[in-house]
Amino acid sequence: PSHFDKMKVGLALNVFSKATSAGLKYMVQQENRPLSYLTTAWFLE
């Protein structure tokens, strides 16, 4: 985010979301990404 984008809660909510977590789980299960991605997915949830 830019300086002003850092103040927008909506942008943070787009990152810290179930959807982003699910996307990371998909990347691990279907796209052979590292299992460590699941820790980030857990934290976002």
All heavy atoms as atom14 arrays in JSON, in Angstrom:
{
  "sequence": "PSHFDKMKVGLALNVFSKATSAGLKYMVQQENRPLSYLTTAWFLE",
  "atom14_mask": [
    [1, 1, 1, 1, 1, 1, 1, 0, 0, 0, 0, 0, 0, 0],
    [1, 1, 1, 1, 1, 1, 0, 0, 0, 0, 0, 0, 0, 0],
    [1, 1, 1, 1, 1, 1, 1, 1, 1, 1, 0, 0, 0, 0],
    [1, 1, 1, 1, 1, 1, 1, 1, 1, 1, 1, 0, 0, 0],
    [1, 1, 1, 1, 1, 1, 1, 1, 0, 0, 0, 0, 0, 0],
    [1, 1, 1, 1, 1, 1, 1, 1, 1, 0, 0, 0, 0, 0],
    [1, 1, 1, 1, 1, 1, 1, 1, 0, 0, 0, 0, 0, 0],
    [1, 1, 1, 1, 1, 1, 1, 1, 1, 0, 0, 0, 0, 0],
    [1, 1, 1, 1, 1, 1, 1, 0, 0, 0, 0, 0, 0, 0],
    [1, 1, 1, 1, 0, 0, 0, 0, 0, 0, 0, 0, 0, 0],
    [1, 1, 1, 1, 1, 1, 1, 1, 0, 0, 0, 0, 0, 0],
    [1, 1, 1, 1, 1, 0, 0, 0, 0, 0, 0, 0, 0, 0],
    [1, 1, 1, 1, 1, 1, 1, 1, 0, 0, 0, 0, 0, 0],
    [1, 1, 1, 1, 1, 1, 1, 1, 0, 0, 0, 0, 0, 0],
    [1, 1, 1, 1, 1, 1, 1, 0, 0, 0, 0, 0, 0, 0],
    [1, 1, 1, 1, 1, 1, 1, 1, 1, 1, 1, 0, 0, 0],
    [1, 1, 1, 1, 1, 1, 0, 0, 0, 0, 0, 0, 0, 0],
    [1, 1, 1, 1, 1, 1, 1, 1, 1, 0, 0, 0, 0, 0],
    [1, 1, 1, 1, 1, 0, 0, 0, 0, 0, 0, 0, 0, 0],
    [1, 1, 1, 1, 1, 1, 1, 0, 0, 0, 0, 0, 0, 0],
    [1, 1, 1, 1, 1, 1, 0, 0, 0, 0, 0, 0, 0, 0],
    [1, 1, 1, 1, 1, 0, 0, 0, 0, 0, 0, 0, 0, 0],
    [1, 1, 1, 1, 0, 0, 0, 0, 0, 0, 0, 0, 0, 0],
    [1, 1, 1, 1, 1, 1, 1, 1, 0, 0, 0, 0, 0, 0],
    [1, 1, 1, 1, 1, 1, 1, 1, 1, 0, 0, 0, 0, 0],
    [1, 1, 1, 1, 1, 1, 1, 1, 1, 1, 1, 1, 0, 0],
    [1, 1, 1, 1, 1, 1, 1, 1, 0, 0, 0, 0, 0, 0],
    [1, 1, 1, 1, 1, 1, 1, 0, 0, 0, 0, 0, 0, 0],
    [1, 1, 1, 1, 1, 1, 1, 1, 1, 0, 0, 0, 0, 0],
    [1, 1, 1, 1, 1, 1, 1, 1, 1, 0, 0, 0, 0, 0],
    [1, 1, 1, 1, 1, 1, 1, 1, 1, 0, 0, 0, 0, 0],
    [1, 1, 1, 1, 1, 1, 1, 1, 0, 0, 0, 0, 0, 0],
    [1, 1, 1, 1, 1, 1, 1, 1, 1, 1, 1, 0, 0, 0],
    [1, 1, 1, 1, 1, 1, 1, 0, 0, 0, 0, 0, 0, 0],
    [1, 1, 1, 1, 1, 1, 1, 1, 0, 0, 0, 0, 0, 0],
    [1, 1, 1, 1, 1, 1, 0, 0, 0, 0, 0, 0, 0, 0],
    [1, 1, 1, 1, 1, 1, 1, 1, 1, 1, 1, 1, 0, 0],
    [1, 1, 1, 1, 1, 1, 1, 1, 0, 0, 0, 0, 0, 0],
    [1, 1, 1, 1, 1, 1, 1, 0, 0, 0, 0, 0, 0, 0],
    [1, 1, 1, 1, 1, 1, 1, 0, 0, 0, 0, 0, 0, 0],
    [1, 1, 1, 1, 1, 0, 0, 0, 0, 0, 0, 0, 0, 0],
    [1, 1, 1, 1, 1, 1, 1, 1, 1, 1, 1, 1, 1, 1],
    [1, 1, 1, 1, 1, 1, 1, 1, 1, 1, 1, 0, 0, 0],
    [1, 1, 1, 1, 1, 1, 1, 1, 0, 0, 0, 0, 0, 0],
    [1, 1, 1, 1, 1, 1, 1, 1, 1, 0, 0, 0, 0, 0]
  ],
  "atom14_positions": [
    [[0.81, -1.23, 0.0], [0.0, 0.0, 0.0], [0.84, 1.27, 0.0], [1.95, 1.31, 0.54], [-0.8, -0.11, 1.3], [0.03, -0.97, 2.18], [0.76, -1.92, 1.28], [0.0, 0.0, 0.0], [0.0, 0.0, 0.0], [0.0, 0.0, 0.0], [0.0, 0.0, 0.0], [0.0, 0.0, 0.0], [0.0, 0.0, 0.0], [0.0, 0.0, 0.0]],
    [[0.28, 2.32, -0.62], [0.91, 3.63, -0.55], [0.69, 4.2, 0.85], [-0.01, 3.6, 1.67], [0.29, 4.55, -1.6], [-1.05, 4.86, -1.23], [0.0, 0.0, 0.0], [0.0, 0.0, 0.0], [0.0, 0.0, 0.0], [0.0, 0.0, 0.0], [0.0, 0.0, 0.0], [0.0, 0.0, 0.0], [0.0, 0.0, 0.0], [0.0, 0.0, 0.0]],
    [[1.24, 5.37, 1.08], [1.09, 6.0, 2.39], [-0.38, 6.14, 2.78], [-0.76, 5.84, 3.91], [1.77, 7.37, 2.39], [1.61, 8.13, 3.67], [2.23, 7.73, 4.84], [0.88, 9.22, 3.96], [1.88, 8.58, 5.8], [1.08, 9.48, 5.3], [0.0, 0.0, 0.0], [0.0, 0.0, 0.0], [0.0, 0.0, 0.0], [0.0, 0.0, 0.0]],
    [[-1.22, 6.58, 1.85], [-2.63, 6.79, 2.15], [-3.43, 5.48, 2.14], [-4.4, 5.33, 2.86], [-3.25, 7.82, 1.2], [-2.72, 9.2, 1.43], [-1.8, 9.76, 0.55], [-3.1, 9.92, 2.55], [-1.3, 11.03, 0.79], [-2.6, 11.19, 2.79], [-1.69, 11.76, 1.9], [0.0, 0.0, 0.0], [0.0, 0.0, 0.0], [0.0, 0.0, 0.0]],
    [[-3.0, 4.53, 1.31], [-3.67, 3.22, 1.27], [-3.52, 2.47, 2.59], [-4.36, 1.65, 2.93], [-3.14, 2.36, 0.12], [-3.64, 2.82, -1.23], [-4.66, 3.54, -1.27], [-3.02, 2.46, -2.25], [0.0, 0.0, 0.0], [0.0, 0.0, 0.0], [0.0, 0.0, 0.0], [0.0, 0.0, 0.0], [0.0, 0.0, 0.0], [0.0, 0.0, 0.0]],
    [[-2.47, 2.76, 3.35], [-2.25, 2.09, 4.63], [-3.36, 2.4, 5.62], [-3.56, 1.68, 6.58], [-0.91, 2.5, 5.23], [0.27, 1.93, 4.5], [1.58, 2.37, 5.11], [2.75, 1.81, 4.32], [4.03, 2.24, 4.87], [0.0, 0.0, 0.0], [0.0, 0.0, 0.0], [0.0, 0.0, 0.0], [0.0, 0.0, 0.0], [0.0, 0.0, 0.0]],
    [[-4.09, 3.48, 5.38], [-5.17, 3.89, 6.28], [-6.51, 3.26, 5.92], [-7.49, 3.46, 6.62], [-5.28, 5.41, 6.28], [-4.06, 6.09, 6.83], [-4.26, 7.86, 6.78], [-2.89, 8.33, 5.76], [0.0, 0.0, 0.0], [0.0, 0.0, 0.0], [0.0, 0.0, 0.0], [0.0, 0.0, 0.0], [0.0, 0.0, 0.0], [0.0, 0.0, 0.0]],
    [[-6.57, 2.54, 4.83], [-7.82, 1.95, 4.35], [-8.01, 0.55, 4.93], [-7.33, -0.39, 4.55], [-7.84, 1.92, 2.83], [-7.8, 3.3, 2.21], [-7.8, 3.24, 0.7], [-7.75, 4.64, 0.11], [-7.63, 4.59, -1.35], [0.0, 0.0, 0.0], [0.0, 0.0, 0.0], [0.0, 0.0, 0.0], [0.0, 0.0, 0.0], [0.0, 0.0, 0.0]],
    [[-8.96, 0.44, 5.83], [-9.23, -0.85, 6.48], [-9.66, -1.9, 5.46], [-9.29, -3.06, 5.56], [-10.3, -0.68, 7.59], [-10.68, -2.03, 8.18], [-9.8, 0.27, 8.66], [0.0, 0.0, 0.0], [0.0, 0.0, 0.0], [0.0, 0.0, 0.0], [0.0, 0.0, 0.0], [0.0, 0.0, 0.0], [0.0, 0.0, 0.0], [0.0, 0.0, 0.0]],
    [[-10.41, -1.49, 4.45], [-10.91, -2.42, 3.44], [-9.8, -3.18, 2.74], [-9.95, -4.38, 2.46], [0.0, 0.0, 0.0], [0.0, 0.0, 0.0], [0.0, 0.0, 0.0], [0.0, 0.0, 0.0], [0.0, 0.0, 0.0], [0.0, 0.0, 0.0], [0.0, 0.0, 0.0], [0.0, 0.0, 0.0], [0.0, 0.0, 0.0], [0.0, 0.0, 0.0]],
    [[-8.69, -2.51, 2.45], [-7.57, -3.19, 1.8], [-6.99, -4.27, 2.72], [-6.66, -5.36, 2.27], [-6.49, -2.19, 1.4], [-6.82, -1.28, 0.23], [-5.69, -0.28, -0.01], [-7.1, -2.08, -1.04], [0.0, 0.0, 0.0], [0.0, 0.0, 0.0], [0.0, 0.0, 0.0], [0.0, 0.0, 0.0], [0.0, 0.0, 0.0], [0.0, 0.0, 0.0]],
    [[-6.87, -3.95, 4.0], [-6.35, -4.95, 4.96], [-7.32, -6.12, 5.07], [-6.9, -7.27, 5.15], [-6.13, -4.3, 6.32], [0.0, 0.0, 0.0], [0.0, 0.0, 0.0], [0.0, 0.0, 0.0], [0.0, 0.0, 0.0], [0.0, 0.0, 0.0], [0.0, 0.0, 0.0], [0.0, 0.0, 0.0], [0.0, 0.0, 0.0], [0.0, 0.0, 0.0]],
    [[-8.61, -5.83, 5.08], [-9.6, -6.9, 5.17], [-9.55, -7.82, 3.96], [-9.89, -9.0, 4.07], [-11.0, -6.32, 5.34], [-11.28, -5.6, 6.66], [-12.69, -5.03, 6.68], [-11.05, -6.51, 7.84], [0.0, 0.0, 0.0], [0.0, 0.0, 0.0], [0.0, 0.0, 0.0], [0.0, 0.0, 0.0], [0.0, 0.0, 0.0], [0.0, 0.0, 0.0]],
    [[-9.15, -7.29, 2.81], [-9.02, -8.13, 1.62], [-7.86, -9.11, 1.75], [-7.89, -10.19, 1.16], [-8.83, -7.26, 0.37], [-10.08, -6.5, 0.01], [-11.19, -6.86, 0.42], [-9.92, -5.42, -0.73], [0.0, 0.0, 0.0], [0.0, 0.0, 0.0], [0.0, 0.0, 0.0], [0.0, 0.0, 0.0], [0.0, 0.0, 0.0], [0.0, 0.0, 0.0]],
    [[-6.85, -8.75, 2.5], [-5.71, -9.65, 2.72], [-6.03, -10.62, 3.85], [-5.9, -11.83, 3.71], [-4.42, -8.85, 3.03], [-3.28, -9.81, 3.4], [-4.03, -7.99, 1.85], [0.0, 0.0, 0.0], [0.0, 0.0, 0.0], [0.0, 0.0, 0.0], [0.0, 0.0, 0.0], [0.0, 0.0, 0.0], [0.0, 0.0, 0.0], [0.0, 0.0, 0.0]],
    [[-6.47, -10.07, 5.0], [-6.77, -10.89, 6.17], [-8.2, -11.42, 6.07], [-9.08, -10.98, 6.8], [-6.58, -10.08, 7.46], [-5.16, -9.68, 7.69], [-4.71, -8.42, 7.35], [-4.26, -10.59, 8.25], [-3.39, -8.06, 7.57], [-2.94, -10.23, 8.47], [-2.51, -8.96, 8.12], [0.0, 0.0, 0.0], [0.0, 0.0, 0.0], [0.0, 0.0, 0.0]],
    [[-8.4, -12.35, 5.15], [-9.75, -12.85, 4.9], [-9.75, -14.36, 4.69], [-8.72, -14.97, 4.39], [-10.33, -12.18, 3.65], [-9.65, -12.62, 2.49], [0.0, 0.0, 0.0], [0.0, 0.0, 0.0], [0.0, 0.0, 0.0], [0.0, 0.0, 0.0], [0.0, 0.0, 0.0], [0.0, 0.0, 0.0], [0.0, 0.0, 0.0], [0.0, 0.0, 0.0]],
    [[-10.94, -14.92, 4.84], [-11.11, -16.36, 4.58], [-10.85, -16.66, 3.11], [-10.33, -17.72, 2.77], [-12.52, -16.8, 4.97], [-12.76, -16.83, 6.46], [-14.2, -17.22, 6.77], [-14.51, -17.1, 8.23], [-14.68, -15.71, 8.68], [0.0, 0.0, 0.0], [0.0, 0.0, 0.0], [0.0, 0.0, 0.0], [0.0, 0.0, 0.0], [0.0, 0.0, 0.0]],
    [[-11.19, -15.72, 2.24], [-10.99, -15.92, 0.8], [-9.51, -16.03, 0.47], [-9.1, -16.91, -0.29], [-11.63, -14.78, 0.01], [0.0, 0.0, 0.0], [0.0, 0.0, 0.0], [0.0, 0.0, 0.0], [0.0, 0.0, 0.0], [0.0, 0.0, 0.0], [0.0, 0.0, 0.0], [0.0, 0.0, 0.0], [0.0, 0.0, 0.0], [0.0, 0.0, 0.0]],
    [[-8.69, -15.15, 1.02], [-7.25, -15.22, 0.78], [-6.67, -16.51, 1.36], [-5.84, -17.17, 0.74], [-6.53, -13.99, 1.36], [-7.14, -12.81, 0.83], [-5.06, -13.99, 1.01], [0.0, 0.0, 0.0], [0.0, 0.0, 0.0], [0.0, 0.0, 0.0], [0.0, 0.0, 0.0], [0.0, 0.0, 0.0], [0.0, 0.0, 0.0], [0.0, 0.0, 0.0]],
    [[-7.14, -16.87, 2.54], [-6.71, -18.12, 3.17], [-7.05, -19.31, 2.28], [-6.22, -20.19, 2.04], [-7.36, -18.27, 4.54], [-7.02, -19.51, 5.12], [0.0, 0.0, 0.0], [0.0, 0.0, 0.0], [0.0, 0.0, 0.0], [0.0, 0.0, 0.0], [0.0, 0.0, 0.0], [0.0, 0.0, 0.0], [0.0, 0.0, 0.0], [0.0, 0.0, 0.0]],
    [[-8.27, -19.33, 1.77], [-8.71, -20.42, 0.88], [-7.88, -20.43, -0.4], [-7.53, -21.51, -0.91], [-10.18, -20.28, 0.56], [0.0, 0.0, 0.0], [0.0, 0.0, 0.0], [0.0, 0.0, 0.0], [0.0, 0.0, 0.0], [0.0, 0.0, 0.0], [0.0, 0.0, 0.0], [0.0, 0.0, 0.0], [0.0, 0.0, 0.0], [0.0, 0.0, 0.0]],
    [[-7.54, -19.25, -0.9], [-6.7, -19.16, -2.1], [-5.32, -19.77, -1.86], [-4.79, -20.48, -2.72], [0.0, 0.0, 0.0], [0.0, 0.0, 0.0], [0.0, 0.0, 0.0], [0.0, 0.0, 0.0], [0.0, 0.0, 0.0], [0.0, 0.0, 0.0], [0.0, 0.0, 0.0], [0.0, 0.0, 0.0], [0.0, 0.0, 0.0], [0.0, 0.0, 0.0]],
    [[-4.75, -19.51, -0.69], [-3.45, -20.09, -0.36], [-3.53, -21.61, -0.21], [-2.64, -22.33, -0.65], [-2.89, -19.46, 0.91], [-2.5, -17.99, 0.81], [-2.04, -17.46, 2.16], [-1.44, -17.77, -0.25], [0.0, 0.0, 0.0], [0.0, 0.0, 0.0], [0.0, 0.0, 0.0], [0.0, 0.0, 0.0], [0.0, 0.0, 0.0], [0.0, 0.0, 0.0]],
    [[-4.62, -22.09, 0.38], [-4.81, -23.55, 0.51], [-4.94, -24.18, -0.88], [-4.38, -25.26, -1.12], [-6.04, -23.84, 1.35], [-5.86, -23.51, 2.81], [-7.14, -23.73, 3.58], [-6.99, -23.3, 5.03], [-8.23, -23.44, 5.79], [0.0, 0.0, 0.0], [0.0, 0.0, 0.0], [0.0, 0.0, 0.0], [0.0, 0.0, 0.0], [0.0, 0.0, 0.0]],
    [[-5.63, -23.51, -1.77], [-5.75, -23.99, -3.15], [-4.36, -24.08, -3.79], [-4.04, -25.06, -4.47], [-6.66, -23.06, -3.97], [-6.63, -23.37, -5.44], [-7.45, -24.37, -5.98], [-5.77, -22.7, -6.31], [-7.42, -24.67, -7.33], [-5.74, -23.0, -7.66], [-6.56, -23.98, -8.17], [-6.52, -24.29, -9.5], [0.0, 0.0, 0.0], [0.0, 0.0, 0.0]],
    [[-3.55, -23.06, -3.58], [-2.21, -23.04, -4.16], [-1.38, -24.23, -3.69], [-0.63, -24.81, -4.47], [-1.49, -21.72, -3.81], [-2.15, -20.48, -4.37], [-1.92, -20.29, -6.14], [-0.22, -19.76, -6.17], [0.0, 0.0, 0.0], [0.0, 0.0, 0.0], [0.0, 0.0, 0.0], [0.0, 0.0, 0.0], [0.0, 0.0, 0.0], [0.0, 0.0, 0.0]],
    [[-1.54, -24.6, -2.42], [-0.79, -25.75, -1.88], [-1.34, -27.05, -2.45], [-0.59, -27.91, -2.91], [-0.85, -25.76, -0.33], [-0.29, -27.06, 0.23], [-0.11, -24.56, 0.24], [0.0, 0.0, 0.0], [0.0, 0.0, 0.0], [0.0, 0.0, 0.0], [0.0, 0.0, 0.0], [0.0, 0.0, 0.0], [0.0, 0.0, 0.0], [0.0, 0.0, 0.0]],
    [[-2.67, -27.2, -2.45], [-3.29, -28.46, -2.85], [-3.27, -28.7, -4.36], [-3.06, -29.83, -4.79], [-4.72, -28.51, -2.34], [-4.81, -28.55, -0.83], [-6.2, -28.28, -0.31], [-7.13, -27.98, -1.06], [-6.37, -28.37, 1.01], [0.0, 0.0, 0.0], [0.0, 0.0, 0.0], [0.0, 0.0, 0.0], [0.0, 0.0, 0.0], [0.0, 0.0, 0.0]],
    [[-3.48, -27.65, -5.14], [-3.63, -27.84, -6.58], [-2.44, -27.35, -7.41], [-2.27, -27.79, -8.54], [-4.89, -27.11, -7.07], [-6.16, -27.58, -6.4], [-6.46, -29.04, -6.64], [-6.25, -29.56, -7.73], [-6.95, -29.72, -5.62], [0.0, 0.0, 0.0], [0.0, 0.0, 0.0], [0.0, 0.0, 0.0], [0.0, 0.0, 0.0], [0.0, 0.0, 0.0]],
    [[-1.65, -26.46, -6.86], [-0.55, -25.87, -7.64], [0.83, -26.2, -7.07], [1.81, -25.56, -7.44], [-0.74, -24.34, -7.72], [-2.05, -23.91, -8.35], [-2.2, -24.37, -9.8], [-1.18, -24.43, -10.52], [-3.34, -24.67, -10.2], [0.0, 0.0, 0.0], [0.0, 0.0, 0.0], [0.0, 0.0, 0.0], [0.0, 0.0, 0.0], [0.0, 0.0, 0.0]],
    [[0.87, -27.17, -6.16], [2.13, -27.68, -5.6], [3.03, -26.6, -4.99], [4.24, -26.64, -5.15], [2.91, -28.47, -6.66], [2.14, -29.67, -7.13], [1.54, -30.38, -6.32], [2.13, -29.9, -8.42], [0.0, 0.0, 0.0], [0.0, 0.0, 0.0], [0.0, 0.0, 0.0], [0.0, 0.0, 0.0], [0.0, 0.0, 0.0], [0.0, 0.0, 0.0]],
    [[2.43, -25.68, -4.29], [3.21, -24.67, -3.56], [3.64, -25.26, -2.22], [3.1, -26.26, -1.76], [2.4, -23.4, -3.35], [2.03, -22.63, -4.61], [3.23, -22.38, -5.52], [3.05, -21.3, -6.45], [2.52, -21.4, -7.66], [2.06, -22.56, -8.09], [2.43, -20.35, -8.44], [0.0, 0.0, 0.0], [0.0, 0.0, 0.0], [0.0, 0.0, 0.0]],
    [[4.63, -24.65, -1.57], [5.15, -25.19, -0.31], [4.08, -25.28, 0.79], [3.19, -24.44, 0.87], [6.23, -24.18, 0.1], [6.57, -23.44, -1.14], [5.35, -23.46, -2.0], [0.0, 0.0, 0.0], [0.0, 0.0, 0.0], [0.0, 0.0, 0.0], [0.0, 0.0, 0.0], [0.0, 0.0, 0.0], [0.0, 0.0, 0.0], [0.0, 0.0, 0.0]],
    [[4.19, -26.29, 1.62], [3.28, -26.46, 2.75], [3.33, -25.29, 3.71], [2.37, -25.01, 4.42], [3.6, -27.75, 3.5], [3.18, -29.05, 2.83], [3.66, -30.24, 3.66], [1.68, -29.11, 2.64], [0.0, 0.0, 0.0], [0.0, 0.0, 0.0], [0.0, 0.0, 0.0], [0.0, 0.0, 0.0], [0.0, 0.0, 0.0], [0.0, 0.0, 0.0]],
    [[4.44, -24.57, 3.73], [4.57, -23.42, 4.62], [3.52, -22.35, 4.32], [3.19, -21.54, 5.19], [5.97, -22.81, 4.53], [6.21, -22.35, 3.21], [0.0, 0.0, 0.0], [0.0, 0.0, 0.0], [0.0, 0.0, 0.0], [0.0, 0.0, 0.0], [0.0, 0.0, 0.0], [0.0, 0.0, 0.0], [0.0, 0.0, 0.0], [0.0, 0.0, 0.0]],
    [[2.95, -22.35, 3.12], [1.87, -21.41, 2.78], [0.67, -21.62, 3.72], [-0.1, -20.7, 3.97], [1.41, -21.62, 1.35], [2.28, -21.0, 0.27], [3.65, -20.81, 0.46], [1.74, -20.64, -0.95], [4.43, -20.26, -0.54], [2.52, -20.09, -1.96], [3.86, -19.91, -1.75], [4.63, -19.36, -2.75], [0.0, 0.0, 0.0], [0.0, 0.0, 0.0]],
    [[0.51, -22.85, 4.21], [-0.63, -23.15, 5.08], [-0.54, -22.42, 6.42], [-1.57, -22.12, 7.03], [-0.74, -24.65, 5.3], [-1.04, -25.48, 4.05], [-1.03, -26.97, 4.38], [-2.36, -25.06, 3.42], [0.0, 0.0, 0.0], [0.0, 0.0, 0.0], [0.0, 0.0, 0.0], [0.0, 0.0, 0.0], [0.0, 0.0, 0.0], [0.0, 0.0, 0.0]],
    [[0.66, -22.11, 6.87], [0.8, -21.34, 8.11], [0.3, -19.92, 7.9], [-0.42, -19.38, 8.74], [2.27, -21.33, 8.59], [2.69, -22.67, 8.78], [2.43, -20.55, 9.87], [0.0, 0.0, 0.0], [0.0, 0.0, 0.0], [0.0, 0.0, 0.0], [0.0, 0.0, 0.0], [0.0, 0.0, 0.0], [0.0, 0.0, 0.0], [0.0, 0.0, 0.0]],
    [[0.63, -19.34, 6.77], [0.12, -18.0, 6.44], [-1.39, -18.05, 6.3], [-2.1, -17.16, 6.8], [0.79, -17.46, 5.16], [2.21, -17.38, 5.38], [0.25, -16.09, 4.79], [0.0, 0.0, 0.0], [0.0, 0.0, 0.0], [0.0, 0.0, 0.0], [0.0, 0.0, 0.0], [0.0, 0.0, 0.0], [0.0, 0.0, 0.0], [0.0, 0.0, 0.0]],
    [[-1.92, -19.08, 5.66], [-3.37, -19.23, 5.51], [-4.04, -19.33, 6.88], [-5.08, -18.68, 7.12], [-3.69, -20.47, 4.68], [0.0, 0.0, 0.0], [0.0, 0.0, 0.0], [0.0, 0.0, 0.0], [0.0, 0.0, 0.0], [0.0, 0.0, 0.0], [0.0, 0.0, 0.0], [0.0, 0.0, 0.0], [0.0, 0.0, 0.0], [0.0, 0.0, 0.0]],
    [[-3.47, -20.1, 7.79], [-4.01, -20.23, 9.14], [-4.03, -18.88, 9.84], [-5.03, -18.5, 10.46], [-3.18, -21.25, 9.94], [-3.56, -21.29, 11.38], [-4.56, -22.04, 11.94], [-2.96, -20.56, 12.46], [-4.62, -21.8, 13.3], [-3.65, -20.9, 13.63], [-1.91, -19.66, 12.53], [-3.32, -20.36, 14.87], [-1.58, -19.12, 13.76], [-2.28, -19.47, 14.92]],
    [[-2.94, -18.14, 9.76], [-2.84, -16.84, 10.42], [-3.89, -15.87, 9.87], [-4.55, -15.16, 10.63], [-1.43, -16.26, 10.25], [-1.24, -14.95, 10.96], [-1.04, -14.92, 12.33], [-1.26, -13.76, 10.27], [-0.87, -13.72, 13.0], [-1.08, -12.55, 10.92], [-0.89, -12.53, 12.29], [0.0, 0.0, 0.0], [0.0, 0.0, 0.0], [0.0, 0.0, 0.0]],
    [[-4.07, -15.86, 8.56], [-5.07, -14.97, 7.95], [-6.47, -15.31, 8.47], [-7.27, -14.4, 8.76], [-5.04, -15.06, 6.42], [-3.74, -14.62, 5.75], [-3.83, -14.84, 4.25], [-3.39, -13.19, 6.08], [0.0, 0.0, 0.0], [0.0, 0.0, 0.0], [0.0, 0.0, 0.0], [0.0, 0.0, 0.0], [0.0, 0.0, 0.0], [0.0, 0.0, 0.0]],
    [[-6.78, -16.59, 8.61], [-8.07, -17.02, 9.15], [-8.26, -16.57, 10.59], [-9.35, -16.16, 10.98], [-8.21, -18.54, 9.1], [-8.61, -19.07, 7.76], [-8.82, -20.58, 7.79], [-9.09, -21.15, 8.87], [-8.7, -21.19, 6.7], [0.0, 0.0, 0.0], [0.0, 0.0, 0.0], [0.0, 0.0, 0.0], [0.0, 0.0, 0.0], [0.0, 0.0, 0.0]]
  ]
}
